[in-house]
Protein backbone atom coordinates (compact mmCIF):
# COMPACT_ATOMS: atom_id res chain seq x y z
CA UNK A 1 138.16 51.75 175.26
CA UNK A 2 141.73 53.00 174.97
CA UNK A 3 143.48 52.87 171.61
CA UNK A 4 146.78 51.84 173.16
CA UNK A 5 149.47 50.35 170.93
CA UNK A 6 149.65 47.37 173.30
CA UNK A 7 146.50 45.67 174.51
CA UNK A 8 147.53 43.45 177.42
CA UNK A 9 150.16 42.49 179.94
CA UNK A 10 151.40 39.09 178.73
CA UNK A 11 153.82 37.96 181.43
CA UNK A 12 156.28 38.99 184.11
CA UNK A 13 159.69 37.36 184.47
CA UNK A 14 161.75 37.28 187.66
CA UNK A 15 165.07 35.71 188.62
CA UNK A 16 165.87 34.29 192.05
CA UNK A 17 168.70 32.36 193.72
CA UNK A 18 166.33 29.98 195.55
CA UNK A 19 164.92 28.73 192.26
CA UNK A 20 163.56 25.35 193.35
CA UNK A 21 161.69 26.89 196.26
CA UNK A 22 160.15 29.54 194.00
CA UNK A 23 159.08 26.98 191.40
CA UNK A 24 157.46 24.78 194.02
CA UNK A 25 155.62 27.75 195.57
CA UNK A 26 154.13 29.23 192.39
CA UNK A 27 153.41 25.86 190.80
CA UNK A 28 151.91 24.59 194.05
CA UNK A 29 150.14 26.60 196.69
CA UNK A 30 149.90 29.79 194.59
CA UNK A 31 147.99 27.87 191.92
CA UNK A 32 149.77 28.41 188.59
CA UNK A 33 150.33 25.62 186.04
CA UNK A 34 153.88 24.85 184.98
CA UNK A 35 154.34 24.32 181.25
CA UNK A 36 157.37 23.46 179.13
CA UNK A 37 160.66 24.98 180.15
CA UNK A 38 164.36 24.45 180.06
CA UNK A 39 167.09 23.95 182.65
CA UNK A 40 166.86 26.63 185.33
CA UNK A 41 163.88 28.42 183.72
CA UNK A 42 160.25 27.65 184.58
CA UNK A 43 157.20 28.98 182.73
CA UNK A 44 153.79 29.16 184.41
CA UNK A 45 150.35 29.53 182.83
CA UNK A 46 147.10 30.62 184.46
CA UNK A 47 144.26 28.20 183.76
CA UNK A 48 141.81 30.90 182.70
CA UNK A 49 144.19 32.73 180.37
CA UNK A 50 145.00 31.98 176.71
CA UNK A 51 148.53 33.30 177.18
CA UNK A 52 151.20 30.61 176.84
CA UNK A 53 152.53 31.73 180.20
CA UNK A 54 151.96 34.62 182.60
CA UNK A 55 154.93 34.19 184.94
CA UNK A 56 158.53 33.13 184.38
CA UNK A 57 161.10 32.19 187.03
CA UNK A 58 164.80 31.95 186.17
CA UNK A 59 167.62 30.73 188.38
CA UNK A 60 170.23 33.42 189.05
CA UNK A 61 172.76 34.45 191.67
CA UNK A 62 170.77 37.56 192.62
CA UNK A 63 167.07 38.34 192.89
CA UNK A 64 165.91 40.65 190.10
CA UNK A 65 163.05 41.63 187.83
CA UNK A 66 163.95 40.06 184.48
CA UNK A 67 161.27 41.72 182.36
CA UNK A 68 157.66 42.61 181.78
CA UNK A 69 156.05 41.72 178.47
CA UNK A 70 153.15 43.41 176.69
CA UNK A 71 151.11 42.10 173.77
CA UNK A 72 150.42 44.00 170.54
CA UNK A 73 147.83 43.27 167.86
CA UNK A 74 150.23 42.47 165.02
CA UNK A 75 153.81 42.57 163.76
CA UNK A 76 153.27 45.96 162.12
CA UNK A 77 152.45 47.45 165.51
CA UNK A 78 155.55 45.88 167.02
CA UNK A 79 157.67 47.39 164.23
CA UNK A 80 156.06 50.80 164.67
CA UNK A 81 156.83 50.81 168.39
CA UNK A 82 160.42 49.77 167.70
CA UNK A 83 160.82 52.59 165.19
CA UNK A 84 159.50 55.15 167.67
CA UNK A 85 161.59 53.92 170.60
CA UNK A 86 164.74 56.04 170.00
CA UNK A 87 162.67 59.24 170.01
CA UNK A 88 160.91 58.38 173.28
CA UNK A 89 163.91 57.78 175.53
CA UNK A 90 164.21 53.99 175.35
CA UNK A 91 167.15 51.83 174.28
CA UNK A 92 166.87 48.77 172.04
CA UNK A 93 168.13 45.44 173.42
CA UNK A 94 167.06 43.18 170.55
CA UNK A 95 165.65 44.15 167.16
CA UNK A 96 162.19 42.87 166.14
CA UNK A 97 162.26 39.24 165.06
CA UNK A 98 161.09 35.72 165.77
CA UNK A 99 160.84 34.86 169.48
CA UNK A 100 162.45 31.68 170.76
CA UNK A 101 160.29 31.39 173.90
CA UNK A 102 157.25 29.07 174.31
CA UNK A 103 154.55 29.98 171.80
CA UNK A 104 156.97 31.72 169.46
CA UNK A 105 155.70 34.95 167.97
CA UNK A 106 157.32 38.18 166.84
CA UNK A 107 158.74 40.83 169.14
CA UNK A 108 161.63 42.85 170.50
CA UNK A 109 163.05 44.00 173.81
CA UNK A 110 164.22 47.36 175.13
CA UNK A 111 165.22 49.21 178.27
CA UNK A 112 162.78 51.74 179.70
CA UNK A 113 164.18 55.00 181.19
CA UNK A 114 164.88 53.28 184.53
CA UNK A 115 166.71 50.38 182.86
CA UNK A 116 164.03 47.70 183.13
CA UNK A 117 163.81 45.17 180.33
CA UNK A 118 160.50 45.37 178.47
CA UNK A 119 159.26 43.08 175.70
CA UNK A 120 156.55 43.84 173.14
CA UNK A 121 155.29 40.93 171.03
CA UNK A 122 152.56 39.72 168.71
CA UNK A 123 151.43 36.48 167.06
CA UNK A 124 152.27 34.28 170.05
CA UNK A 125 150.44 30.95 169.87
CA UNK A 126 147.67 30.69 172.45
CA UNK A 127 146.94 27.84 174.81
CA UNK A 128 143.54 26.39 175.67
CA UNK A 129 141.99 28.42 178.48
CA UNK A 130 139.05 27.26 180.56
CA UNK A 131 136.39 28.76 182.79
CA UNK A 132 137.25 28.29 186.44
CA UNK A 133 134.64 26.60 188.58
CA UNK A 134 132.93 28.38 191.47
CA UNK A 135 135.19 28.33 194.56
CA UNK A 136 138.20 27.24 192.44
CA UNK A 137 140.72 29.52 194.14
CA UNK A 138 143.56 29.65 191.61
CA UNK A 139 144.59 32.60 189.40
CA UNK A 140 142.40 33.11 186.34
CA UNK A 141 144.93 35.39 184.65
CA UNK A 142 147.68 37.93 185.21
CA UNK A 143 146.12 41.25 186.25
CA UNK A 144 148.81 43.91 186.59
CA UNK A 145 152.34 44.83 187.58
CA UNK A 146 153.43 47.76 189.75
CA UNK A 147 156.96 49.12 189.66
CA UNK A 148 158.59 51.80 191.80
CA UNK A 149 160.66 54.56 190.26
CA UNK A 150 162.67 57.57 191.44
CA UNK A 151 161.59 59.13 188.12
CA UNK A 152 157.86 58.44 188.29
CA UNK A 153 156.74 61.35 186.11
CA UNK A 154 159.21 60.63 183.30
CA UNK A 155 158.64 56.87 183.36
CA UNK A 156 154.86 57.33 183.40
CA UNK A 157 155.09 59.62 180.38
CA UNK A 158 157.35 57.15 178.57
CA UNK A 159 154.75 54.37 178.74
CA UNK A 160 152.01 56.74 177.65
CA UNK A 161 154.00 58.12 174.71
CA UNK A 162 155.57 54.89 173.44
CA UNK A 163 152.96 52.22 174.20
CA UNK A 164 149.82 54.35 174.36
CA UNK A 165 148.88 53.73 177.98
CA UNK A 166 146.30 56.10 179.44
CA UNK A 167 146.01 57.41 182.98
CA UNK A 168 143.00 55.90 184.75
CA UNK A 169 143.41 57.36 188.25
CA UNK A 170 146.07 58.15 190.80
CA UNK A 171 146.77 58.17 194.51
CA UNK A 172 149.35 60.57 195.98
CA UNK A 173 152.28 58.23 195.32
CA UNK A 174 151.12 56.07 192.38
CA UNK A 175 149.69 56.44 188.87
CA UNK A 176 147.42 53.73 187.43
CA UNK A 177 147.72 53.14 183.67
CA UNK A 178 145.51 51.13 181.33
CA UNK A 179 145.91 49.61 177.88
CA UNK A 180 142.51 47.87 177.68
CA UNK A 181 139.23 47.91 179.61
CA UNK A 182 140.91 46.91 182.88
CA UNK A 183 141.39 49.93 185.14
CA UNK A 184 145.12 49.26 185.19
CA UNK A 185 147.61 46.79 183.78
CA UNK A 186 150.61 48.86 184.90
CA UNK A 187 151.14 51.26 187.78
CA UNK A 188 154.14 53.48 188.52
CA UNK A 189 154.85 54.29 192.17
CA UNK A 190 157.23 56.76 193.75
CA UNK A 191 160.36 55.03 194.99
CA UNK A 192 163.86 55.84 196.15
CA UNK A 193 165.17 53.23 193.73
CA UNK A 194 163.75 51.48 190.66
CA UNK A 195 162.32 48.21 191.96
CA UNK A 196 159.53 45.71 191.47
CA UNK A 197 156.65 46.66 193.75
CA UNK A 198 154.32 43.72 193.16
CA UNK A 199 152.68 41.43 190.60
CA UNK A 200 148.91 40.82 190.74
CA UNK A 201 146.97 37.74 189.66
CA UNK A 202 143.22 37.92 189.08
CA UNK A 203 140.94 35.42 190.79
CA UNK A 204 137.47 34.33 189.66
CA UNK A 205 135.79 36.45 192.33
CA UNK A 206 136.02 37.72 195.90
CA UNK A 207 135.10 34.35 197.40
CA UNK A 208 137.89 32.66 195.43
CA UNK A 209 140.32 35.41 196.45
CA UNK A 210 139.49 34.86 200.12
CA UNK A 211 139.82 31.10 199.81
CA UNK A 212 143.16 31.48 198.05
CA UNK A 213 144.38 33.87 200.73
CA UNK A 214 143.36 31.42 203.42
CA UNK A 215 145.27 28.65 201.66
CA UNK A 216 148.45 30.77 201.47
CA UNK A 217 148.29 31.63 205.17
CA UNK A 218 147.62 28.03 206.18
CA UNK A 219 150.57 26.85 204.08
CA UNK A 220 152.90 29.25 205.85
CA UNK A 221 155.50 29.80 203.13
CA UNK A 222 153.83 32.99 201.89
CA UNK A 223 153.59 35.72 204.51
CA UNK A 224 150.76 38.25 204.74
CA UNK A 225 151.81 41.69 203.58
CA UNK A 226 148.36 43.35 203.63
CA UNK A 227 144.68 42.48 203.26
CA UNK A 228 142.01 41.58 202.72
CA UNK A 229 140.56 44.85 201.46
CA UNK A 230 139.11 46.79 198.55
CA UNK A 231 141.01 49.61 196.87
CA UNK A 232 139.44 52.93 195.92
CA UNK A 233 141.47 53.26 192.70
CA UNK A 234 140.34 50.39 190.49
CA UNK A 235 137.70 49.25 193.02
CA UNK A 236 139.44 45.85 193.12
CA UNK A 237 139.73 43.61 196.14
CA UNK A 238 143.16 42.51 197.29
CA UNK A 239 145.30 40.19 199.36
CA UNK A 240 149.08 40.86 199.27
CA UNK A 241 151.66 38.26 200.26
CA UNK A 242 155.44 38.09 200.46
CA UNK A 243 156.55 34.99 198.61
CA UNK A 244 159.48 32.89 199.91
CA UNK A 245 161.85 35.03 197.79
CA UNK A 246 160.71 38.29 199.38
CA UNK A 247 158.76 39.50 196.34
CA UNK A 248 155.18 40.70 196.80
CA UNK A 249 152.40 38.98 194.84
CA UNK A 250 148.72 39.84 195.00
CA UNK A 251 145.48 37.98 194.62
CA UNK A 252 142.87 40.42 193.28
CA UNK A 253 139.30 40.35 191.98
CA UNK A 254 136.65 42.64 190.48
CA UNK A 255 139.00 45.13 188.83
CA UNK A 256 136.97 48.09 187.57
CA UNK A 257 136.23 48.07 183.82
CA UNK A 258 136.48 51.25 181.76
CA UNK A 259 134.30 50.52 178.73
CA UNK A 260 133.69 54.10 177.57
CA UNK A 261 137.12 55.66 177.27
CA UNK A 262 135.85 59.09 176.24
CA UNK A 263 133.55 59.35 179.24
CA UNK A 264 136.22 58.49 181.81
CA UNK A 265 137.86 61.30 183.81
CA UNK A 266 140.95 60.39 185.87
CA UNK A 267 140.81 61.46 189.49
CA UNK A 268 142.81 61.29 192.70
CA UNK A 269 141.74 58.51 195.05
CA UNK A 270 142.44 57.87 198.73
CA UNK A 271 145.17 55.27 199.28
CA UNK A 272 143.19 53.63 202.08
CA UNK A 273 140.96 50.55 202.09
CA UNK A 274 137.23 51.01 201.33
CA UNK A 275 136.19 48.27 203.73
CA UNK A 276 138.44 49.22 206.62
CA UNK A 277 139.36 45.55 207.06
CA UNK A 278 142.89 45.44 205.60
CA UNK A 279 145.57 44.52 208.09
CA UNK A 280 149.33 44.51 207.71
CA UNK A 281 151.33 41.39 208.37
CA UNK A 282 154.83 41.23 209.81
CA UNK A 283 156.61 43.65 207.50
CA UNK A 284 160.39 43.29 207.15
CA UNK A 285 162.45 46.00 208.87
CA UNK A 286 163.59 48.92 206.73
CA UNK A 287 167.23 49.90 206.90
CA UNK A 288 167.57 52.66 204.35
CA UNK A 289 166.26 52.64 200.77
CA UNK A 290 165.51 49.40 198.93
CA UNK A 291 168.55 47.91 197.20
CA UNK A 292 169.03 48.73 193.54
CA UNK A 293 167.67 45.94 191.34
CA UNK A 294 170.68 44.20 189.74
CA UNK A 295 168.56 43.69 186.63
CA UNK A 296 168.57 47.39 185.71
CA UNK A 297 170.38 47.98 182.42
CA UNK A 298 171.34 44.27 182.35
CA UNK A 299 169.18 42.27 179.97
CA UNK A 300 168.35 38.69 180.99
CA UNK A 301 170.22 36.02 179.05
CA UNK A 302 167.00 34.65 177.50
């Protein structure tokens, strides 16, 4: 298993103008559990995860990626990462210290080379997780995040050098990085601008993924982006949906496990679907490159 300096993706935070609609969607049909929050900020847990929360939605005037947060083993590791940051091309936002978010803990925030806000933390209090029942089609935990970058090579190297991620595999336009046994917790895709590509939530199994996908389509607020299918890289199954805010979220299952790090050799994979079943939904028209995320180089207020 990789000896990365971080060992998991803790949560992803987004900001949206249609806050109430987003909160209702993710706390309802998508299947997350809302926990404590504050005015205009909602925190969501996954029932099978011990993380205090795996997704955060904040009310804002513009849609943006607020941050992605990774967990470290202890405060000493957090401090070591913070000390290395200036030599790796990052920029400190907040110095290491006590966190004021649910669960507390110790951590700091920084900008990556594209200007995304990243948090690294340790010692966050855990919540009681539970085993999901067969056919219970709600997210078990947060699986991975994919971001697009016009500087894919440099950004990929930054996460390897600073946080210890390792390359698992790649497809022609995307690198898959791991920090634990999961094939990938982070992936960096080629993009004309630095944007959020998608956030993936792991389901109990393929049956639960299919049932969840059917529920989203029947509800009508989430729109099919692509699926169902099985990737080559990671061997995971997938169902991608546009949420009511226009972000892409994924239900996934059976992510490949890399248990013997030394024996694993990264390789190029086809970008197509193993099963040949994946269909595209009604994709929004493209008029030039994606807009620049207004969250780049602008740290969220909390």
